[in-house]
Amino acid sequence: MRREPGFYRQVVALAAPIVLQNLITSTLSMADTFMVGMLGEAPMAAVTLANIPLFVVQLFIFGVQSGASVLISQYWGKQNMEAINRVLGVALWVVLLVSSAFAAVLLICPVQFLSLFGNQPDVVAMAAQYGSIAGISYVCNAFTMMYVAAYRSMEQPALGMYILAASMTVNTCLNWVFIFGNLGAPALGVRGAALATLIARCLEVIIVVTHMARTKFFRVRPGLLLRPGSSMVRRFLRYGGLVVLNETMWGLGTSVFPTIMGHMEGSTEILAAYTVAGNVEKMCTVFSFGLAATAAVIIGREIGAGRTKELKHVGMTMDTLAVLCGATLCGLLLCFVRFVAPQWVFPLFKLSPGASSVATMMITVMACVMPLRNFNTVNIVGVLRGGGDVRAATFIDVGNLWLVAIPYAVVCGVLLHTSVFWVYLAFGVEQIGKFAIGVWRLRSGRWVRDLTVVG
């Protein structure tokens, strides 16, 4: 933990805006869930159902964002602005094409598509109302997140905090207007929640385009964005493509769990509890993702600049910080689920006694695996990816999910018809395998690679 003077000051300067951005987003997302939850368990289950495929899109966007960040941070170390423009161009082409395809499917045949993820017609019908509009918002969000990722990789994380804070604040206010029909607007229910999201995402695009036109820090060159070049496309596919595959496969795999829950007895209560627990989880993971993004920027920059001697110890330091943060969160979560949630939080979301019991179980399991989860997030997303070892990071992340956790959940939930506890426990099983392999790879030191070198 002993580092050179100024190291921890640099970590705080980079991590604080990212953590604050994610914390604001997660807090307002929980407020959105609360407002939808006031309509009842069925509407909340419908939004959860619609978000299953949208979560995959979100993970794909995050994957492209992470893949671009791996390259941009190393090019930033070399101060190669032309290459950064080209990487941003490839990333934008990829996310806009994929998110537009998903939006088209949800717009054209939402009921048929969402029926794949749930078996209750009334819930699926409400989910279709939400998904057909919310899908379009992800096209706008894809554009925003690529630009934010580029700035974050160039050690300017505050931009994303300002843009997303403004967007989520507008989203929350418009939810209050459109869901319940305030200020003279019609009460649109779950459709109003989707409309509010779409308007907020359009605001993001306006802010980003305005910033592109006015900033002097990083000059966007439209010609390079539209025609990034075959050489950069190949480089992105070779390295960033693995990260995209990682996040997409992880998103698809993670979507298996609520899909299994959506076909279990009492699925409405289970999905409502899963939504509340998921929002609590988002609040907790903001710290690990902040540390991971910081680790990726620092390590990528140092590799690009040719300063690789101390990177193994930098990686170990960041992972240790993650474990300490996870242990603290574990204690706070256990206190929260024991003394706060049953009396104050669950009644706000109008959870039934059965749903409250399931949510308590989920948050307890989440707390127990939080130190391992934090380590794995920072080690995979920050250290290994930032170091250019995208192949090992992908294997550790996806392999444990698809080869261990998903088979375990399918056996419990589909074949043995166990209680939801045993299905949800798959999240903990996954983290144990990732931790064991991740520690071995970290200690080997063979994860430091310069991806900008031609060859």
Protein backbone atom coordinates (compact mmCIF):
# COMPACT_ATOMS: atom_id res chain seq x y z
CA MET A 1 0.00 0.00 0.00
CA ARG A 2 3.04 2.33 0.18
CA ARG A 3 3.13 4.32 -3.05
CA GLU A 4 5.05 7.29 -4.38
CA PRO A 5 3.98 10.77 -3.17
CA GLY A 6 0.85 12.00 -4.90
CA PHE A 7 -0.40 8.55 -5.96
CA TYR A 8 -3.44 8.45 -3.71
CA ARG A 9 -4.21 12.09 -4.43
CA GLN A 10 -4.30 11.15 -8.13
CA VAL A 11 -6.55 8.15 -7.42
CA VAL A 12 -9.01 10.33 -5.53
CA ALA A 13 -8.96 13.03 -8.22
CA LEU A 14 -9.82 10.50 -10.93
CA ALA A 15 -12.14 8.23 -8.94
CA ALA A 16 -14.23 10.85 -7.10
CA PRO A 17 -16.02 12.29 -10.18
CA ILE A 18 -16.67 8.78 -11.53
CA VAL A 19 -18.02 7.55 -8.20
CA LEU A 20 -20.12 10.68 -7.78
CA GLN A 21 -21.47 10.33 -11.34
CA ASN A 22 -22.44 6.70 -10.76
CA LEU A 23 -23.83 7.48 -7.31
CA ILE A 24 -26.07 10.22 -8.69
CA THR A 25 -27.22 7.95 -11.50
CA SER A 26 -27.93 5.05 -9.15
CA THR A 27 -29.71 7.23 -6.59
CA LEU A 28 -32.00 8.75 -9.20
CA SER A 29 -32.52 5.32 -10.75
CA MET A 30 -33.74 4.11 -7.37
CA ALA A 31 -36.07 7.12 -7.23
CA ASP A 32 -37.43 6.09 -10.63
CA THR A 33 -37.96 2.54 -9.38
CA PHE A 34 -39.73 3.93 -6.32
CA MET A 35 -42.13 5.93 -8.48
CA VAL A 36 -42.89 2.94 -10.71
CA GLY A 37 -43.22 0.80 -7.57
CA MET A 38 -45.95 3.13 -6.33
CA LEU A 39 -48.07 1.80 -9.21
CA GLY A 40 -47.82 -1.73 -7.75
CA GLU A 41 -45.73 -4.89 -8.04
CA ALA A 42 -46.97 -5.76 -11.56
CA PRO A 43 -45.74 -2.49 -13.19
CA MET A 44 -42.41 -2.81 -11.38
CA ALA A 45 -42.09 -6.42 -12.56
CA ALA A 46 -42.93 -5.23 -16.10
CA VAL A 47 -40.14 -2.64 -16.10
CA THR A 48 -37.74 -5.29 -14.79
CA LEU A 49 -38.83 -7.64 -17.56
CA ALA A 50 -38.37 -5.00 -20.28
CA ASN A 51 -34.95 -4.13 -18.90
CA ILE A 52 -33.64 -7.68 -19.36
CA PRO A 53 -32.84 -7.23 -23.10
CA LEU A 54 -32.09 -3.54 -22.55
CA PHE A 55 -29.57 -4.55 -19.89
CA VAL A 56 -27.78 -6.61 -22.55
CA VAL A 57 -27.64 -3.51 -24.78
CA GLN A 58 -26.36 -1.48 -21.85
CA LEU A 59 -23.65 -4.06 -21.19
CA PHE A 60 -22.73 -4.06 -24.89
CA ILE A 61 -22.37 -0.28 -24.76
CA PHE A 62 -20.26 -0.61 -21.63
CA GLY A 63 -18.15 -3.24 -23.38
CA VAL A 64 -17.45 -0.98 -26.36
CA GLN A 65 -16.81 1.87 -23.94
CA SER A 66 -14.31 -0.26 -22.01
CA GLY A 67 -12.67 -1.55 -25.17
CA ALA A 68 -12.27 1.97 -26.51
CA SER A 69 -10.92 3.12 -23.14
CA VAL A 70 -8.19 0.47 -23.19
CA LEU A 71 -6.86 1.86 -26.47
CA ILE A 72 -7.57 5.55 -25.81
CA SER A 73 -5.77 5.57 -22.44
CA GLN A 74 -2.65 4.08 -24.05
CA TYR A 75 -2.79 6.52 -26.98
CA TRP A 76 -3.28 9.30 -24.41
CA GLY A 77 0.01 8.26 -22.83
CA LYS A 78 1.58 8.84 -26.26
CA GLN A 79 -0.45 12.06 -26.82
CA ASN A 80 -1.68 10.69 -30.18
CA MET A 81 -4.90 12.68 -30.72
CA GLU A 82 -5.45 11.48 -34.27
CA ALA A 83 -5.53 7.85 -33.10
CA ILE A 84 -7.95 8.79 -30.29
CA ASN A 85 -10.31 10.30 -32.88
CA ARG A 86 -10.13 7.12 -34.93
CA VAL A 87 -10.83 4.87 -31.91
CA LEU A 88 -13.81 7.05 -30.99
CA GLY A 89 -15.09 6.79 -34.56
CA VAL A 90 -14.96 2.98 -34.60
CA ALA A 91 -16.68 2.82 -31.20
CA LEU A 92 -19.49 5.13 -32.32
CA TRP A 93 -20.16 3.12 -35.48
CA VAL A 94 -20.38 -0.12 -33.49
CA VAL A 95 -22.66 1.04 -30.66
CA LEU A 96 -25.01 3.05 -32.86
CA LEU A 97 -25.59 0.16 -35.25
CA VAL A 98 -26.23 -2.41 -32.50
CA SER A 99 -28.39 -0.19 -30.29
CA SER A 100 -30.46 0.86 -33.33
CA ALA A 101 -31.08 -2.79 -34.20
CA PHE A 102 -32.36 -3.55 -30.68
CA ALA A 103 -34.51 -0.41 -30.72
CA ALA A 104 -36.07 -1.51 -34.02
CA VAL A 105 -36.95 -4.96 -32.65
CA LEU A 106 -38.56 -3.48 -29.52
CA LEU A 107 -40.46 -0.97 -31.63
CA ILE A 108 -41.75 -3.44 -34.25
CA CYS A 109 -42.57 -6.55 -32.19
CA PRO A 110 -42.20 -5.76 -28.47
CA VAL A 111 -44.75 -8.27 -27.14
CA GLN A 112 -43.41 -11.22 -29.10
CA PHE A 113 -39.81 -10.39 -28.15
CA LEU A 114 -40.43 -9.75 -24.46
CA SER A 115 -42.56 -12.92 -24.17
CA LEU A 116 -39.24 -14.77 -24.31
CA PHE A 117 -38.38 -13.40 -20.87
CA GLY A 118 -41.66 -13.81 -18.95
CA ASN A 119 -44.81 -15.93 -18.90
CA GLN A 120 -47.48 -13.57 -17.51
CA PRO A 121 -49.40 -11.83 -20.35
CA ASP A 122 -50.40 -8.76 -18.35
CA VAL A 123 -46.82 -8.14 -17.21
CA VAL A 124 -45.48 -8.72 -20.74
CA ALA A 125 -48.02 -6.27 -22.18
CA MET A 126 -46.93 -3.53 -19.77
CA ALA A 127 -43.27 -4.36 -20.43
CA ALA A 128 -43.91 -3.87 -24.16
CA GLN A 129 -45.31 -0.39 -23.52
CA TYR A 130 -42.11 0.52 -21.69
CA GLY A 131 -39.60 -1.26 -23.94
CA SER A 132 -40.89 0.08 -27.26
CA ILE A 133 -40.04 3.64 -26.14
CA ALA A 134 -37.04 2.99 -23.85
CA GLY A 135 -35.22 1.07 -26.59
CA ILE A 136 -34.83 4.27 -28.63
CA SER A 137 -33.27 6.04 -25.65
CA TYR A 138 -30.35 3.61 -25.70
CA VAL A 139 -29.34 4.84 -29.16
CA CYS A 140 -28.91 8.33 -27.71
CA ASN A 141 -27.18 7.00 -24.61
CA ALA A 142 -24.72 4.99 -26.72
CA PHE A 143 -23.55 8.20 -28.41
CA THR A 144 -23.13 9.97 -25.08
CA MET A 145 -21.26 7.16 -23.34
CA MET A 146 -18.61 6.87 -26.06
CA TYR A 147 -17.78 10.55 -25.76
CA VAL A 148 -17.73 10.39 -21.96
CA ALA A 149 -15.46 7.32 -22.12
CA ALA A 150 -12.97 9.15 -24.34
CA TYR A 151 -12.73 12.05 -21.89
CA ARG A 152 -12.48 9.72 -18.91
CA SER A 153 -9.57 7.92 -20.59
CA MET A 154 -7.85 11.29 -21.09
CA GLU A 155 -8.03 11.96 -17.32
CA GLN A 156 -11.10 14.23 -17.60
CA PRO A 157 -13.78 12.25 -15.71
CA ALA A 158 -15.75 15.27 -14.51
CA LEU A 159 -17.45 15.79 -17.90
CA GLY A 160 -19.42 12.55 -17.58
CA MET A 161 -20.47 13.50 -14.06
CA TYR A 162 -21.95 16.81 -15.22
CA ILE A 163 -23.72 15.40 -18.29
CA LEU A 164 -25.25 12.37 -16.59
CA ALA A 165 -26.17 14.30 -13.44
CA ALA A 166 -28.15 16.77 -15.58
CA SER A 167 -29.73 13.96 -17.59
CA MET A 168 -30.78 11.87 -14.61
CA THR A 169 -32.17 14.89 -12.75
CA VAL A 170 -34.37 15.72 -15.75
CA ASN A 171 -35.32 12.04 -16.06
CA THR A 172 -36.47 11.88 -12.44
CA CYS A 173 -38.48 15.10 -12.66
CA LEU A 174 -40.18 14.00 -15.88
CA ASN A 175 -40.96 10.61 -14.32
CA TRP A 176 -42.92 12.44 -11.63
CA VAL A 177 -44.76 14.36 -14.34
CA PHE A 178 -45.53 11.57 -16.82
CA ILE A 179 -46.01 8.53 -14.56
CA PHE A 180 -48.57 10.17 -12.29
CA GLY A 181 -49.92 12.89 -14.62
CA ASN A 182 -48.68 15.94 -12.71
CA LEU A 183 -48.50 19.55 -14.02
CA GLY A 184 -51.38 18.88 -16.38
CA ALA A 185 -49.73 15.97 -18.20
CA PRO A 186 -51.63 12.69 -18.77
CA ALA A 187 -50.91 9.82 -16.33
CA LEU A 188 -49.03 7.38 -18.59
CA GLY A 189 -47.76 4.86 -15.98
CA VAL A 190 -44.86 2.72 -17.19
CA ARG A 191 -45.08 4.33 -20.64
CA GLY A 192 -44.50 7.69 -18.95
CA ALA A 193 -41.34 6.34 -17.31
CA ALA A 194 -40.01 5.32 -20.72
CA LEU A 195 -40.92 8.68 -22.27
CA ALA A 196 -39.09 10.53 -19.49
CA THR A 197 -36.00 8.40 -20.13
CA LEU A 198 -36.09 9.13 -23.85
CA ILE A 199 -36.34 12.90 -23.35
CA ALA A 200 -33.47 12.86 -20.85
CA ARG A 201 -31.27 10.88 -23.27
CA CYS A 202 -32.01 13.38 -26.05
CA LEU A 203 -30.84 16.12 -23.68
CA GLU A 204 -27.55 14.23 -23.25
CA VAL A 205 -26.96 14.27 -26.99
CA ILE A 206 -27.62 18.01 -27.19
CA ILE A 207 -25.12 18.66 -24.39
CA VAL A 208 -22.47 16.43 -25.99
CA VAL A 209 -22.81 17.99 -29.45
CA THR A 210 -22.59 21.48 -27.92
CA HIS A 211 -19.48 20.46 -25.97
CA MET A 212 -17.88 18.98 -29.10
CA ALA A 213 -18.32 22.28 -30.90
CA ARG A 214 -16.97 24.49 -28.12
CA THR A 215 -14.21 22.59 -26.32
CA LYS A 216 -10.53 23.24 -27.00
CA PHE A 217 -9.17 20.36 -24.92
CA PHE A 218 -9.92 17.66 -27.50
CA ARG A 219 -10.77 18.62 -31.04
CA VAL A 220 -13.17 16.13 -32.60
CA ARG A 221 -12.42 15.62 -36.28
CA PRO A 222 -15.62 14.49 -38.04
CA GLY A 223 -13.71 13.06 -40.99
CA LEU A 224 -11.83 10.67 -38.72
CA LEU A 225 -15.02 9.74 -36.85
CA LEU A 226 -16.88 8.88 -40.04
CA ARG A 227 -13.89 7.19 -41.71
CA PRO A 228 -11.64 5.87 -38.91
CA GLY A 229 -9.65 3.67 -41.29
CA SER A 230 -9.32 -0.08 -41.77
CA SER A 231 -6.14 -0.27 -39.68
CA MET A 232 -7.87 1.15 -36.59
CA VAL A 233 -10.93 -1.02 -37.22
CA ARG A 234 -8.72 -4.11 -37.19
CA ARG A 235 -6.91 -2.96 -34.04
CA PHE A 236 -10.21 -2.24 -32.29
CA LEU A 237 -11.68 -5.60 -33.28
CA ARG A 238 -8.55 -7.40 -32.15
CA TYR A 239 -8.39 -5.86 -28.69
CA GLY A 240 -11.60 -3.92 -28.05
CA GLY A 241 -13.65 -6.69 -29.67
CA LEU A 242 -12.69 -9.07 -26.87
CA VAL A 243 -13.91 -6.58 -24.30
CA VAL A 244 -17.17 -6.13 -26.21
CA LEU A 245 -17.56 -9.92 -26.37
CA ASN A 246 -16.81 -10.08 -22.65
CA GLU A 247 -19.50 -7.58 -21.66
CA THR A 248 -22.06 -8.86 -24.15
CA MET A 249 -21.64 -12.46 -23.01
CA TRP A 250 -21.68 -11.32 -19.40
CA GLY A 251 -24.87 -9.34 -20.04
CA LEU A 252 -26.54 -12.27 -21.78
CA GLY A 253 -25.45 -14.60 -19.00
CA THR A 254 -26.63 -12.30 -16.23
CA SER A 255 -30.00 -11.98 -17.99
CA VAL A 256 -30.45 -15.73 -17.59
CA PHE A 257 -30.98 -15.32 -13.84
CA PRO A 258 -34.02 -12.98 -13.93
CA THR A 259 -35.34 -15.02 -16.87
CA ILE A 260 -35.24 -18.14 -14.68
CA MET A 261 -36.87 -16.18 -11.86
CA GLY A 262 -39.51 -14.89 -14.28
CA HIS A 263 -40.65 -18.46 -14.89
CA MET A 264 -40.66 -19.54 -11.23
CA GLU A 265 -43.73 -19.78 -9.03
CA GLY A 266 -44.46 -16.37 -7.51
CA SER A 267 -42.42 -14.66 -10.22
CA THR A 268 -44.11 -11.27 -9.77
CA GLU A 269 -42.96 -11.02 -6.14
CA ILE A 270 -39.51 -12.37 -7.03
CA LEU A 271 -38.97 -9.89 -9.88
CA ALA A 272 -40.18 -6.99 -7.74
CA ALA A 273 -37.71 -8.00 -5.01
CA TYR A 274 -34.98 -8.45 -7.62
CA THR A 275 -35.60 -4.89 -8.88
CA VAL A 276 -35.23 -3.38 -5.40
CA ALA A 277 -32.16 -5.48 -4.60
CA GLY A 278 -30.69 -4.56 -7.98
CA ASN A 279 -30.99 -0.85 -7.21
CA VAL A 280 -29.27 -1.37 -3.87
CA GLU A 281 -26.54 -3.27 -5.69
CA LYS A 282 -26.05 -0.40 -8.16
CA MET A 283 -25.59 1.97 -5.24
CA CYS A 284 -22.86 -0.27 -3.83
CA THR A 285 -20.96 -1.02 -7.03
CA VAL A 286 -20.36 2.65 -7.86
CA PHE A 287 -17.22 2.54 -5.73
CA SER A 288 -15.71 -0.55 -7.35
CA PHE A 289 -16.43 0.73 -10.87
CA GLY A 290 -14.92 4.09 -9.94
CA LEU A 291 -11.75 2.38 -8.73
CA ALA A 292 -11.74 0.12 -11.81
CA ALA A 293 -12.01 3.05 -14.23
CA THR A 294 -9.26 4.87 -12.34
CA ALA A 295 -6.99 1.82 -12.43
CA ALA A 296 -7.55 1.39 -16.18
CA VAL A 297 -6.69 5.04 -16.91
CA ILE A 298 -3.56 5.09 -14.75
CA ILE A 299 -2.24 1.75 -15.97
CA GLY A 300 -3.09 2.41 -19.63
CA ARG A 301 -1.45 5.85 -19.53
CA GLU A 302 1.73 4.49 -17.96
CA ILE A 303 1.98 1.70 -20.54
CA GLY A 304 1.50 4.18 -23.39
CA ALA A 305 4.22 6.39 -21.94
CA GLY A 306 6.58 3.41 -21.54
CA ARG A 307 6.66 3.47 -17.71
CA THR A 308 5.89 -0.17 -16.84
CA LYS A 309 8.33 -1.03 -14.05
CA GLU A 310 5.96 -0.54 -11.08
CA LEU A 311 2.66 -1.48 -12.71
CA LYS A 312 2.35 -4.88 -11.01
CA HIS A 313 2.44 -3.19 -7.62
CA VAL A 314 0.02 -0.50 -8.79
CA GLY A 315 -2.43 -3.26 -9.74
CA MET A 316 -2.06 -4.94 -6.36
CA THR A 317 -2.64 -1.62 -4.60
CA MET A 318 -5.85 -0.90 -6.51
CA ASP A 319 -7.17 -4.42 -5.86
CA THR A 320 -6.41 -4.10 -2.14
CA LEU A 321 -8.32 -0.82 -2.02
CA ALA A 322 -11.23 -2.63 -3.68
CA VAL A 323 -11.30 -5.38 -1.03
CA LEU A 324 -11.19 -2.85 1.83
CA CYS A 325 -14.02 -0.90 0.23
CA GLY A 326 -16.02 -4.13 -0.23
CA ALA A 327 -15.56 -5.14 3.40
CA THR A 328 -16.87 -1.76 4.53
CA LEU A 329 -19.88 -2.03 2.24
CA CYS A 330 -20.56 -5.54 3.53
CA GLY A 331 -20.98 -4.26 7.07
CA LEU A 332 -23.14 -1.33 5.96
CA LEU A 333 -25.41 -3.58 3.86
CA LEU A 334 -25.96 -6.03 6.71
CA CYS A 335 -26.97 -3.16 8.99
CA PHE A 336 -29.19 -1.73 6.25
CA VAL A 337 -31.07 -4.97 5.59
CA ARG A 338 -31.49 -5.66 9.31
CA PHE A 339 -32.49 -2.26 10.70
CA VAL A 340 -33.45 0.08 7.83
CA ALA A 341 -34.93 -1.75 4.84
CA PRO A 342 -37.84 -3.64 6.53
CA GLN A 343 -39.08 -0.56 8.39
CA TRP A 344 -38.47 2.17 5.81
CA VAL A 345 -37.43 1.02 2.32
CA PHE A 346 -39.60 -2.00 1.48
CA PRO A 347 -42.86 -0.26 2.50
CA LEU A 348 -41.95 2.67 0.20
CA PHE A 349 -41.83 0.27 -2.76
CA LYS A 350 -45.09 -1.36 -1.62
CA LEU A 351 -43.47 -4.80 -1.46
CA SER A 352 -45.66 -7.60 -0.17
CA PRO A 353 -44.39 -9.65 2.81
CA GLY A 354 -43.25 -12.37 0.40
CA ALA A 355 -41.36 -9.93 -1.83
CA SER A 356 -39.82 -8.24 1.22
CA SER A 357 -38.54 -11.60 2.44
CA VAL A 358 -36.97 -12.35 -0.94
CA ALA A 359 -35.38 -8.88 -1.12
CA THR A 360 -33.91 -9.35 2.37
CA MET A 361 -32.35 -12.62 1.30
CA MET A 362 -30.90 -11.13 -1.90
CA ILE A 363 -29.33 -8.14 -0.16
CA THR A 364 -27.84 -10.40 2.55
CA VAL A 365 -26.20 -12.63 -0.06
CA MET A 366 -25.03 -9.53 -1.91
CA ALA A 367 -23.38 -8.19 1.27
CA CYS A 368 -21.51 -11.41 1.96
CA VAL A 369 -19.91 -11.55 -1.49
CA MET A 370 -19.22 -7.79 -1.78
CA PRO A 371 -15.47 -7.94 -0.91
CA LEU A 372 -14.91 -10.64 -3.55
CA ARG A 373 -17.06 -8.82 -6.09
CA ASN A 374 -15.19 -5.54 -5.59
CA PHE A 375 -11.85 -7.29 -6.06
CA ASN A 376 -13.03 -9.00 -9.23
CA THR A 377 -14.45 -5.80 -10.73
CA VAL A 378 -11.30 -3.76 -10.19
CA ASN A 379 -8.98 -6.62 -11.13
CA ILE A 380 -10.80 -7.55 -14.38
CA VAL A 381 -12.19 -4.22 -15.58
CA GLY A 382 -9.41 -2.00 -14.26
CA VAL A 383 -6.10 -3.81 -13.86
CA LEU A 384 -6.12 -6.60 -16.45
CA ARG A 385 -8.00 -4.66 -19.15
CA GLY A 386 -6.09 -1.46 -18.48
CA GLY A 387 -2.90 -3.47 -18.76
CA GLY A 388 -3.95 -4.78 -22.18
CA ASP A 389 -4.52 -8.37 -21.02
CA VAL A 390 -8.04 -8.44 -22.48
CA ARG A 391 -7.95 -12.15 -23.38
CA ALA A 392 -7.33 -13.31 -19.80
CA ALA A 393 -9.85 -10.78 -18.45
CA THR A 394 -12.50 -12.13 -20.81
CA PHE A 395 -11.79 -15.75 -19.89
CA ILE A 396 -11.95 -15.05 -16.15
CA ASP A 397 -15.14 -13.00 -16.38
CA VAL A 398 -17.16 -15.00 -18.90
CA GLY A 399 -15.82 -18.49 -18.21
CA ASN A 400 -16.91 -18.59 -14.57
CA LEU A 401 -20.32 -17.19 -15.44
CA TRP A 402 -21.20 -19.57 -18.30
CA LEU A 403 -19.39 -22.69 -17.12
CA VAL A 404 -20.20 -22.52 -13.40
CA ALA A 405 -22.86 -20.01 -12.32
CA ILE A 406 -25.42 -20.45 -15.11
CA PRO A 407 -25.40 -24.29 -15.09
CA TYR A 408 -25.77 -24.14 -11.31
CA ALA A 409 -28.77 -21.74 -11.56
CA VAL A 410 -30.44 -23.80 -14.31
CA VAL A 411 -30.12 -27.00 -12.28
CA CYS A 412 -31.57 -25.32 -9.18
CA GLY A 413 -34.31 -23.24 -10.78
CA VAL A 414 -35.38 -25.32 -13.79
CA LEU A 415 -34.57 -28.95 -13.00
CA LEU A 416 -34.85 -29.15 -9.21
CA HIS A 417 -37.38 -26.29 -8.74
CA THR A 418 -35.64 -25.08 -5.59
CA SER A 419 -36.45 -21.84 -3.79
CA VAL A 420 -35.17 -18.57 -5.24
CA PHE A 421 -32.40 -18.49 -2.60
CA TRP A 422 -30.48 -21.28 -4.32
CA VAL A 423 -30.85 -19.62 -7.71
CA TYR A 424 -29.65 -16.26 -6.41
CA LEU A 425 -26.70 -17.93 -4.71
CA ALA A 426 -25.24 -18.41 -8.21
CA PHE A 427 -23.95 -14.83 -7.99
CA GLY A 428 -21.75 -15.82 -5.05
CA VAL A 429 -20.55 -19.03 -6.71
CA GLU A 430 -19.44 -16.99 -9.72
CA GLN A 431 -17.36 -14.57 -7.62
CA ILE A 432 -15.38 -17.32 -5.89
CA GLY A 433 -14.08 -18.74 -9.18
CA LYS A 434 -13.21 -15.31 -10.54
CA PHE A 435 -11.29 -14.44 -7.39
CA ALA A 436 -9.13 -17.57 -7.43
CA ILE A 437 -8.09 -17.26 -11.10
CA GLY A 438 -7.81 -13.46 -10.92
CA VAL A 439 -5.33 -13.55 -8.03
CA TRP A 440 -3.14 -16.02 -9.93
CA ARG A 441 -3.13 -13.85 -13.06
CA LEU A 442 -2.43 -10.67 -11.11
CA ARG A 443 0.55 -12.15 -9.31
CA SER A 444 2.03 -13.52 -12.54
CA GLY A 445 2.66 -9.99 -13.85
CA ARG A 446 2.10 -11.15 -17.43
CA TRP A 447 -0.77 -8.74 -18.04
CA VAL A 448 1.21 -5.62 -19.02
CA ARG A 449 0.94 -5.16 -22.80
CA ASP A 450 1.27 -2.17 -25.12
CA LEU A 451 -1.64 -2.42 -27.56
CA THR A 452 -0.61 0.63 -29.59
CA VAL A 453 2.49 -1.02 -31.03
CA VAL A 454 1.99 -2.04 -34.65
CA GLY A 455 2.37 -5.77 -35.24
